[in-house]
Amino acid sequence: MAKYFVEVSHSPERVECLRTIQIFLSSGSHFLTHADWGCLDGEHKAWFIIDVDKKEDALQIVPSYYRRNTKIIKLSRFNLQEVENMLNYHGTQ
């Protein structure tokens, strides 16, 4: 499985913002009910991290209305040896 960072944007209008949070909290999805929100700092987005096989699986977690405003990023980790091997492969070390 891969790890994905999911960012869901929503309207900054107060009622719409609160309805979005309500929808996420009442969804029954562990990922949506445990999302982090930036609304109180003027960043009207929800964020969560999920382990799934592919981006499309991550998108299916998001309520359909919000999918068009969703950004999904595959996360990676590197160790020093991997980076050094890649640099050597590209002839830059």
PDB file of N, CA and C in Angstrom:
ATOM      1  N   MET A   1       0.836  -1.193   0.000  1.00  0.00           N
ATOM      2  CA  MET A   1       0.000   0.000   0.000  1.00  0.00           C
ATOM      3  C   MET A   1       0.873   1.246   0.000  1.00  0.00           C
ATOM      4  N   ALA A   2       0.312   2.286  -0.517  1.00  0.00           N
ATOM      5  CA  ALA A   2       1.005   3.562  -0.552  1.00  0.00           C
ATOM      6  C   ALA A   2       0.333   4.519   0.430  1.00  0.00           C
ATOM      7  N   LYS A   3       1.072   5.546   0.807  1.00  0.00           N
ATOM      8  CA  LYS A   3       0.554   6.558   1.729  1.00  0.00           C
ATOM      9  C   LYS A   3       0.266   7.818   0.930  1.00  0.00           C
ATOM     10  N   TYR A   4      -0.934   8.378   1.136  1.00  0.00           N
ATOM     11  CA  TYR A   4      -1.351   9.572   0.416  1.00  0.00           C
ATOM     12  C   TYR A   4      -1.782  10.667   1.387  1.00  0.00           C
ATOM     13  N   PHE A   5      -1.410  11.889   1.039  1.00  0.00           N
ATOM     14  CA  PHE A   5      -1.846  13.089   1.750  1.00  0.00           C
ATOM     15  C   PHE A   5      -3.036  13.628   0.973  1.00  0.00           C
ATOM     16  N   VAL A   6      -4.156  13.798   1.632  1.00  0.00           N
ATOM     17  CA  VAL A   6      -5.382  14.254   0.971  1.00  0.00           C
ATOM     18  C   VAL A   6      -5.740  15.641   1.495  1.00  0.00           C
ATOM     19  N   GLU A   7      -5.947  16.567   0.566  1.00  0.00           N
ATOM     20  CA  GLU A   7      -6.319  17.947   0.893  1.00  0.00           C
ATOM     21  C   GLU A   7      -7.644  18.257   0.212  1.00  0.00           C
ATOM     22  N   VAL A   8      -8.643  18.608   1.015  1.00  0.00           N
ATOM     23  CA  VAL A   8      -9.976  18.901   0.483  1.00  0.00           C
ATOM     24  C   VAL A   8     -10.304  20.362   0.760  1.00  0.00           C
ATOM     25  N   SER A   9     -10.449  21.148  -0.297  1.00  0.00           N
ATOM     26  CA  SER A   9     -10.808  22.567  -0.165  1.00  0.00           C
ATOM     27  C   SER A   9     -12.325  22.705  -0.123  1.00  0.00           C
ATOM     28  N   HIS A  10     -12.783  23.743   0.571  1.00  0.00           N
ATOM     29  CA  HIS A  10     -14.211  24.014   0.623  1.00  0.00           C
ATOM     30  C   HIS A  10     -14.444  25.517   0.747  1.00  0.00           C
ATOM     31  N   SER A  11     -15.690  25.900   0.634  1.00  0.00           N
ATOM     32  CA  SER A  11     -16.077  27.309   0.643  1.00  0.00           C
ATOM     33  C   SER A  11     -15.736  27.987   1.972  1.00  0.00           C
ATOM     34  N   PRO A  12     -15.255  29.238   1.905  1.00  0.00           N
ATOM     35  CA  PRO A  12     -14.972  29.976   3.127  1.00  0.00           C
ATOM     36  C   PRO A  12     -16.223  30.605   3.755  1.00  0.00           C
ATOM     37  N   GLU A  13     -17.366  30.523   3.070  1.00  0.00           N
ATOM     38  CA  GLU A  13     -18.591  31.074   3.647  1.00  0.00           C
ATOM     39  C   GLU A  13     -18.909  30.305   4.928  1.00  0.00           C
ATOM     40  N   ARG A  14     -19.189  31.036   5.991  1.00  0.00           N
ATOM     41  CA  ARG A  14     -19.324  30.431   7.327  1.00  0.00           C
ATOM     42  C   ARG A  14     -20.269  29.231   7.349  1.00  0.00           C
ATOM     43  N   VAL A  15     -21.480  29.387   6.811  1.00  0.00           N
ATOM     44  CA  VAL A  15     -22.456  28.294   6.863  1.00  0.00           C
ATOM     45  C   VAL A  15     -21.964  27.110   6.032  1.00  0.00           C
ATOM     46  N   GLU A  16     -21.423  27.383   4.846  1.00  0.00           N
ATOM     47  CA  GLU A  16     -20.916  26.299   4.002  1.00  0.00           C
ATOM     48  C   GLU A  16     -19.741  25.588   4.661  1.00  0.00           C
ATOM     49  N   CYS A  17     -18.884  26.345   5.294  1.00  0.00           N
ATOM     50  CA  CYS A  17     -17.740  25.775   6.007  1.00  0.00           C
ATOM     51  C   CYS A  17     -18.232  24.838   7.106  1.00  0.00           C
ATOM     52  N   LEU A  18     -19.165  25.313   7.914  1.00  0.00           N
ATOM     53  CA  LEU A  18     -19.693  24.500   9.011  1.00  0.00           C
ATOM     54  C   LEU A  18     -20.426  23.268   8.496  1.00  0.00           C
ATOM     55  N   ARG A  19     -21.133  23.406   7.392  1.00  0.00           N
ATOM     56  CA  ARG A  19     -21.828  22.245   6.810  1.00  0.00           C
ATOM     57  C   ARG A  19     -20.816  21.210   6.313  1.00  0.00           C
ATOM     58  N   THR A  20     -19.726  21.670   5.742  1.00  0.00           N
ATOM     59  CA  THR A  20     -18.690  20.746   5.286  1.00  0.00           C
ATOM     60  C   THR A  20     -18.134  19.951   6.462  1.00  0.00           C
ATOM     61  N   ILE A  21     -17.821  20.641   7.543  1.00  0.00           N
ATOM     62  CA  ILE A  21     -17.311  19.963   8.734  1.00  0.00           C
ATOM     63  C   ILE A  21     -18.355  18.979   9.258  1.00  0.00           C
ATOM     64  N   GLN A  22     -19.616  19.388   9.265  1.00  0.00           N
ATOM     65  CA  GLN A  22     -20.699  18.515   9.722  1.00  0.00           C
ATOM     66  C   GLN A  22     -20.785  17.254   8.854  1.00  0.00           C
ATOM     67  N   ILE A  23     -20.684  17.420   7.555  1.00  0.00           N
ATOM     68  CA  ILE A  23     -20.741  16.276   6.636  1.00  0.00           C
ATOM     69  C   ILE A  23     -19.592  15.312   6.911  1.00  0.00           C
ATOM     70  N   PHE A  24     -18.396  15.844   7.092  1.00  0.00           N
ATOM     71  CA  PHE A  24     -17.242  14.986   7.373  1.00  0.00           C
ATOM     72  C   PHE A  24     -17.429  14.243   8.696  1.00  0.00           C
ATOM     73  N   LEU A  25     -17.854  14.965   9.734  1.00  0.00           N
ATOM     74  CA  LEU A  25     -17.996  14.356  11.052  1.00  0.00           C
ATOM     75  C   LEU A  25     -19.111  13.314  11.111  1.00  0.00           C
ATOM     76  N   SER A  26     -20.133  13.476  10.300  1.00  0.00           N
ATOM     77  CA  SER A  26     -21.246  12.525  10.315  1.00  0.00           C
ATOM     78  C   SER A  26     -21.109  11.430   9.261  1.00  0.00           C
ATOM     79  N   SER A  27     -20.014  11.419   8.524  1.00  0.00           N
ATOM     80  CA  SER A  27     -19.827  10.468   7.424  1.00  0.00           C
ATOM     81  C   SER A  27     -19.661   9.023   7.889  1.00  0.00           C
ATOM     82  N   GLY A  28     -19.132   8.836   9.078  1.00  0.00           N
ATOM     83  CA  GLY A  28     -18.841   7.478   9.542  1.00  0.00           C
ATOM     84  C   GLY A  28     -17.474   6.992   9.119  1.00  0.00           C
ATOM     85  N   SER A  29     -16.784   7.746   8.277  1.00  0.00           N
ATOM     86  CA  SER A  29     -15.438   7.386   7.844  1.00  0.00           C
ATOM     87  C   SER A  29     -14.421   7.842   8.890  1.00  0.00           C
ATOM     88  N   HIS A  30     -13.611   6.910   9.342  1.00  0.00           N
ATOM     89  CA  HIS A  30     -12.570   7.245  10.318  1.00  0.00           C
ATOM     90  C   HIS A  30     -11.675   8.374   9.800  1.00  0.00           C
ATOM     91  N   PHE A  31     -11.335   8.323   8.532  1.00  0.00           N
ATOM     92  CA  PHE A  31     -10.429   9.317   7.956  1.00  0.00           C
ATOM     93  C   PHE A  31     -11.069  10.701   7.946  1.00  0.00           C
ATOM     94  N   LEU A  32     -12.324  10.775   7.572  1.00  0.00           N
ATOM     95  CA  LEU A  32     -13.001  12.072   7.509  1.00  0.00           C
ATOM     96  C   LEU A  32     -13.295  12.623   8.897  1.00  0.00           C
ATOM     97  N   THR A  33     -13.658  11.754   9.834  1.00  0.00           N
ATOM     98  CA  THR A  33     -13.981  12.242  11.168  1.00  0.00           C
ATOM     99  C   THR A  33     -12.737  12.648  11.943  1.00  0.00           C
ATOM    100  N   HIS A  34     -11.565  12.237  11.474  1.00  0.00           N
ATOM    101  CA  HIS A  34     -10.312  12.608  12.137  1.00  0.00           C
ATOM    102  C   HIS A  34      -9.466  13.569  11.289  1.00  0.00           C
ATOM    103  N   ALA A  35     -10.103  14.204  10.317  1.00  0.00           N
ATOM    104  CA  ALA A  35      -9.394  15.171   9.473  1.00  0.00           C
ATOM    105  C   ALA A  35      -8.958  16.374  10.314  1.00  0.00           C
ATOM    106  N   ASP A  36      -7.907  17.015   9.870  1.00  0.00           N
ATOM    107  CA  ASP A  36      -7.460  18.273  10.469  1.00  0.00           C
ATOM    108  C   ASP A  36      -7.958  19.406   9.589  1.00  0.00           C
ATOM    109  N   TRP A  37      -8.313  20.512  10.225  1.00  0.00           N
ATOM    110  CA  TRP A  37      -8.935  21.640   9.541  1.00  0.00           C
ATOM    111  C   TRP A  37      -8.113  22.913   9.726  1.00  0.00           C
ATOM    112  N   GLY A  38      -8.074  23.750   8.690  1.00  0.00           N
ATOM    113  CA  GLY A  38      -7.375  25.027   8.773  1.00  0.00           C
ATOM    114  C   GLY A  38      -8.312  26.214   8.839  1.00  0.00           C
ATOM    115  N   CYS A  39      -9.599  25.974   8.971  1.00  0.00           N
ATOM    116  CA  CYS A  39     -10.620  27.028   8.890  1.00  0.00           C
ATOM    117  C   CYS A  39     -10.413  28.168   9.887  1.00  0.00           C
ATOM    118  N   LEU A  40     -10.059  27.845  11.109  1.00  0.00           N
ATOM    119  CA  LEU A  40      -9.917  28.899  12.121  1.00  0.00           C
ATOM    120  C   LEU A  40      -8.724  29.800  11.865  1.00  0.00           C
ATOM    121  N   ASP A  41      -7.871  29.395  10.917  1.00  0.00           N
ATOM    122  CA  ASP A  41      -6.727  30.221  10.537  1.00  0.00           C
ATOM    123  C   ASP A  41      -6.909  30.779   9.116  1.00  0.00           C
ATOM    124  N   GLY A  42      -8.139  30.699   8.596  1.00  0.00           N
ATOM    125  CA  GLY A  42      -8.439  31.260   7.279  1.00  0.00           C
ATOM    126  C   GLY A  42      -8.081  30.359   6.107  1.00  0.00           C
ATOM    127  N   GLU A  43      -7.665  29.148   6.369  1.00  0.00           N
ATOM    128  CA  GLU A  43      -7.316  28.185   5.314  1.00  0.00           C
ATOM    129  C   GLU A  43      -8.428  27.144   5.276  1.00  0.00           C
ATOM    130  N   HIS A  44      -9.374  27.298   4.378  1.00  0.00           N
ATOM    131  CA  HIS A  44     -10.581  26.471   4.363  1.00  0.00           C
ATOM    132  C   HIS A  44     -10.334  25.159   3.623  1.00  0.00           C
ATOM    133  N   LYS A  45      -9.632  24.290   4.345  1.00  0.00           N
ATOM    134  CA  LYS A  45      -9.259  22.978   3.827  1.00  0.00           C
ATOM    135  C   LYS A  45      -9.268  21.975   4.965  1.00  0.00           C
ATOM    136  N   ALA A  46      -9.491  20.725   4.581  1.00  0.00           N
ATOM    137  CA  ALA A  46      -9.352  19.605   5.506  1.00  0.00           C
ATOM    138  C   ALA A  46      -8.204  18.742   4.987  1.00  0.00           C
ATOM    139  N   TRP A  47      -7.472  18.129   5.923  1.00  0.00           N
ATOM    140  CA  TRP A  47      -6.348  17.278   5.541  1.00  0.00           C
ATOM    141  C   TRP A  47      -6.401  15.970   6.310  1.00  0.00           C
ATOM    142  N   PHE A  48      -6.015  14.902   5.627  1.00  0.00           N
ATOM    143  CA  PHE A  48      -5.813  13.626   6.305  1.00  0.00           C
ATOM    144  C   PHE A  48      -4.831  12.784   5.482  1.00  0.00           C
ATOM    145  N   ILE A  49      -4.276  11.777   6.131  1.00  0.00           N
ATOM    146  CA  ILE A  49      -3.341  10.863   5.487  1.00  0.00           C
ATOM    147  C   ILE A  49      -3.964   9.484   5.505  1.00  0.00           C
ATOM    148  N   ILE A  50      -3.839   8.769   4.376  1.00  0.00           N
ATOM    149  CA  ILE A  50      -4.474   7.467   4.239  1.00  0.00           C
ATOM    150  C   ILE A  50      -3.533   6.492   3.528  1.00  0.00           C
ATOM    151  N   ASP A  51      -3.588   5.236   3.934  1.00  0.00           N
ATOM    152  CA  ASP A  51      -2.839   4.169   3.273  1.00  0.00           C
ATOM    153  C   ASP A  51      -3.811   3.374   2.403  1.00  0.00           C
ATOM    154  N   VAL A  52      -3.633   3.470   1.087  1.00  0.00           N
ATOM    155  CA  VAL A  52      -4.466   2.736   0.132  1.00  0.00           C
ATOM    156  C   VAL A  52      -3.592   2.325  -1.048  1.00  0.00           C
ATOM    157  N   ASP A  53      -4.150   1.514  -1.944  1.00  0.00           N
ATOM    158  CA  ASP A  53      -3.382   1.010  -3.082  1.00  0.00           C
ATOM    159  C   ASP A  53      -3.113   2.072  -4.147  1.00  0.00           C
ATOM    160  N   LYS A  54      -4.081   2.949  -4.376  1.00  0.00           N
ATOM    161  CA  LYS A  54      -3.899   3.946  -5.440  1.00  0.00           C
ATOM    162  C   LYS A  54      -4.684   5.222  -5.135  1.00  0.00           C
ATOM    163  N   LYS A  55      -4.348   6.292  -5.860  1.00  0.00           N
ATOM    164  CA  LYS A  55      -4.981   7.599  -5.642  1.00  0.00           C
ATOM    165  C   LYS A  55      -6.500   7.535  -5.751  1.00  0.00           C
ATOM    166  N   GLU A  56      -6.985   6.756  -6.706  1.00  0.00           N
ATOM    167  CA  GLU A  56      -8.423   6.664  -6.912  1.00  0.00           C
ATOM    168  C   GLU A  56      -9.129   6.134  -5.668  1.00  0.00           C
ATOM    169  N   ASP A  57      -8.466   5.218  -4.946  1.00  0.00           N
ATOM    170  CA  ASP A  57      -9.044   4.691  -3.706  1.00  0.00           C
ATOM    171  C   ASP A  57      -9.130   5.785  -2.645  1.00  0.00           C
ATOM    172  N   ALA A  58      -8.118   6.638  -2.589  1.00  0.00           N
ATOM    173  CA  ALA A  58      -8.131   7.754  -1.638  1.00  0.00           C
ATOM    174  C   ALA A  58      -9.250   8.729  -1.985  1.00  0.00           C
ATOM    175  N   LEU A  59      -9.433   8.987  -3.257  1.00  0.00           N
ATOM    176  CA  LEU A  59     -10.467   9.933  -3.687  1.00  0.00           C
ATOM    177  C   LEU A  59     -11.863   9.424  -3.332  1.00  0.00           C
ATOM    178  N   GLN A  60     -12.070   8.110  -3.369  1.00  0.00           N
ATOM    179  CA  GLN A  60     -13.379   7.541  -3.067  1.00  0.00           C
ATOM    180  C   GLN A  60     -13.795   7.756  -1.611  1.00  0.00           C
ATOM    181  N   ILE A  61     -12.837   8.026  -0.736  1.00  0.00           N
ATOM    182  CA  ILE A  61     -13.138   8.300   0.673  1.00  0.00           C
ATOM    183  C   ILE A  61     -13.823   9.663   0.822  1.00  0.00           C
ATOM    184  N   VAL A  62     -13.492  10.585  -0.072  1.00  0.00           N
ATOM    185  CA  VAL A  62     -14.007  11.961  -0.014  1.00  0.00           C
ATOM    186  C   VAL A  62     -15.445  11.993  -0.533  1.00  0.00           C
ATOM    187  N   PRO A  63     -16.364  12.664   0.171  1.00  0.00           N
ATOM    188  CA  PRO A  63     -17.732  12.791  -0.338  1.00  0.00           C
ATOM    189  C   PRO A  63     -17.730  13.351  -1.759  1.00  0.00           C
ATOM    190  N   SER A  64     -18.587  12.804  -2.612  1.00  0.00           N
ATOM    191  CA  SER A  64     -18.554  13.114  -4.048  1.00  0.00           C
ATOM    192  C   SER A  64     -18.593  14.609  -4.351  1.00  0.00           C
ATOM    193  N   TYR A  65     -19.345  15.391  -3.599  1.00  0.00           N
ATOM    194  CA  TYR A  65     -19.462  16.833  -3.842  1.00  0.00           C
ATOM    195  C   TYR A  65     -18.105  17.535  -3.756  1.00  0.00           C
ATOM    196  N   TYR A  66     -17.200  17.028  -2.924  1.00  0.00           N
ATOM    197  CA  TYR A  66     -15.918  17.693  -2.678  1.00  0.00           C
ATOM    198  C   TYR A  66     -14.768  17.144  -3.528  1.00  0.00           C
ATOM    199  N   ARG A  67     -15.001  16.098  -4.278  1.00  0.00           N
ATOM    200  CA  ARG A  67     -13.916  15.448  -5.028  1.00  0.00           C
ATOM    201  C   ARG A  67     -13.258  16.370  -6.042  1.00  0.00           C
ATOM    202  N   ARG A  68     -14.020  17.262  -6.651  1.00  0.00           N
ATOM    203  CA  ARG A  68     -13.430  18.162  -7.660  1.00  0.00           C
ATOM    204  C   ARG A  68     -12.479  19.180  -7.019  1.00  0.00           C
ATOM    205  N   ASN A  69     -12.592  19.359  -5.705  1.00  0.00           N
ATOM    206  CA  ASN A  69     -11.732  20.297  -4.974  1.00  0.00           C
ATOM    207  C   ASN A  69     -10.743  19.559  -4.077  1.00  0.00           C
ATOM    208  N   THR A  70     -10.377  18.355  -4.497  1.00  0.00           N
ATOM    209  CA  THR A  70      -9.488  17.524  -3.694  1.00  0.00           C
ATOM    210  C   THR A  70      -8.153  17.339  -4.396  1.00  0.00           C
ATOM    211  N   LYS A  71      -7.093  17.475  -3.625  1.00  0.00           N
ATOM    212  CA  LYS A  71      -5.736  17.248  -4.119  1.00  0.00           C
ATOM    213  C   LYS A  71      -5.174  16.052  -3.356  1.00  0.00           C
ATOM    214  N   ILE A  72      -4.618  15.094  -4.090  1.00  0.00           N
ATOM    215  CA  ILE A  72      -4.077  13.890  -3.469  1.00  0.00           C
ATOM    216  C   ILE A  72      -2.613  13.761  -3.872  1.00  0.00           C
ATOM    217  N   ILE A  73      -1.758  13.617  -2.872  1.00  0.00           N
ATOM    218  CA  ILE A  73      -0.312  13.559  -3.097  1.00  0.00           C
ATOM    219  C   ILE A  73       0.231  12.260  -2.522  1.00  0.00           C
ATOM    220  N   LYS A  74       0.913  11.500  -3.359  1.00  0.00           N
ATOM    221  CA  LYS A  74       1.562  10.275  -2.875  1.00  0.00           C
ATOM    222  C   LYS A  74       2.794  10.679  -2.068  1.00  0.00           C
ATOM    223  N   LEU A  75       2.898  10.148  -0.864  1.00  0.00           N
ATOM    224  CA  LEU A  75       4.011  10.479   0.019  1.00  0.00           C
ATOM    225  C   LEU A  75       5.104   9.418  -0.091  1.00  0.00           C
ATOM    226  N   SER A  76       6.334   9.858   0.011  1.00  0.00           N
ATOM    227  CA  SER A  76       7.489   8.953  -0.059  1.00  0.00           C
ATOM    228  C   SER A  76       8.462   9.301   1.046  1.00  0.00           C
ATOM    229  N   ARG A  77       9.225   8.295   1.448  1.00  0.00           N
ATOM    230  CA  ARG A  77      10.325   8.510   2.386  1.00  0.00           C
ATOM    231  C   ARG A  77      11.586   8.010   1.720  1.00  0.00           C
ATOM    232  N   PHE A  78      12.680   8.664   2.035  1.00  0.00           N
ATOM    233  CA  PHE A  78      13.969   8.277   1.490  1.00  0.00           C
ATOM    234  C   PHE A  78      14.959   8.120   2.627  1.00  0.00           C
ATOM    235  N   ASN A  79      15.886   7.198   2.451  1.00  0.00           N
ATOM    236  CA  ASN A  79      17.004   7.152   3.389  1.00  0.00           C
ATOM    237  C   ASN A  79      18.232   7.670   2.654  1.00  0.00           C
ATOM    238  N   LEU A  80      19.273   7.957   3.392  1.00  0.00           N
ATOM    239  CA  LEU A  80      20.460   8.573   2.816  1.00  0.00           C
ATOM    240  C   LEU A  80      21.087   7.691   1.735  1.00  0.00           C
ATOM    241  N   GLN A  81      21.125   6.390   1.955  1.00  0.00           N
ATOM    242  CA  GLN A  81      21.724   5.492   0.972  1.00  0.00           C
ATOM    243  C   GLN A  81      20.964   5.516  -0.351  1.00  0.00           C
ATOM    244  N   GLU A  82      19.643   5.539  -0.292  1.00  0.00           N
ATOM    245  CA  GLU A  82      18.840   5.612  -1.512  1.00  0.00           C
ATOM    246  C   GLU A  82      19.156   6.885  -2.299  1.00  0.00           C
ATOM    247  N   VAL A  83      19.254   7.994  -1.608  1.00  0.00           N
ATOM    248  CA  VAL A  83      19.536   9.268  -2.277  1.00  0.00           C
ATOM    249  C   VAL A  83      20.935   9.244  -2.887  1.00  0.00           C
ATOM    250  N   GLU A  84      21.886   8.736  -2.138  1.00  0.00           N
ATOM    251  CA  GLU A  84      23.254   8.644  -2.670  1.00  0.00           C
ATOM    252  C   GLU A  84      23.303   7.728  -3.891  1.00  0.00           C
ATOM    253  N   ASN A  85      22.580   6.628  -3.879  1.00  0.00           N
ATOM    254  CA  ASN A  85      22.522   5.736  -5.041  1.00  0.00           C
ATOM    255  C   ASN A  85      21.911   6.441  -6.248  1.00  0.00           C
ATOM    256  N   MET A  86      20.861   7.215  -6.025  1.00  0.00           N
ATOM    257  CA  MET A  86      20.240   7.940  -7.134  1.00  0.00           C
ATOM    258  C   MET A  86      21.186   9.010  -7.674  1.00  0.00           C
ATOM    259  N   LEU A  87      21.880   9.699  -6.785  1.00  0.00           N
ATOM    260  CA  LEU A  87      22.846  10.703  -7.238  1.00  0.00           C
ATOM    261  C   LEU A  87      23.952  10.054  -8.048  1.00  0.00           C
ATOM    262  N   ASN A  88      24.446   8.911  -7.596  1.00  0.00           N
ATOM    263  CA  ASN A  88      25.477   8.190  -8.339  1.00  0.00           C
ATOM    264  C   ASN A  88      24.967   7.754  -9.701  1.00  0.00           C
ATOM    265  N   TYR A  89      23.748   7.280  -9.765  1.00  0.00           N
ATOM    266  CA  TYR A  89      23.133   6.852 -11.021  1.00  0.00           C
ATOM    267  C   TYR A  89      23.095   7.999 -12.017  1.00  0.00           C
ATOM    268  N   HIS A  90      22.822   9.194 -11.523  1.00  0.00           N
ATOM    269  CA  HIS A  90      22.734  10.369 -12.386  1.00  0.00           C
ATOM    270  C   HIS A  90      24.081  11.061 -12.563  1.00  0.00           C
ATOM    271  N   GLY A  91      25.123  10.469 -12.001  1.00  0.00           N
ATOM    272  CA  GLY A  91      26.465  11.001 -12.190  1.00  0.00           C
ATOM    273  C   GLY A  91      26.698  12.342 -11.543  1.00  0.00           C
ATOM    274  N   THR A  92      26.059  12.610 -10.442  1.00  0.00           N
ATOM    275  CA  THR A  92      26.209  13.915  -9.812  1.00  0.00           C
ATOM    276  C   THR A  92      26.941  13.836  -8.488  1.00  0.00           C
ATOM    277  N   GLN A  93      27.562  12.702  -8.205  1.00  0.00           N
ATOM    278  CA  GLN A  93      28.289  12.626  -6.946  1.00  0.00           C
ATOM    279  C   GLN A  93      29.663  12.046  -7.168  1.00  0.00           C
TER     280      GLN A  93
END
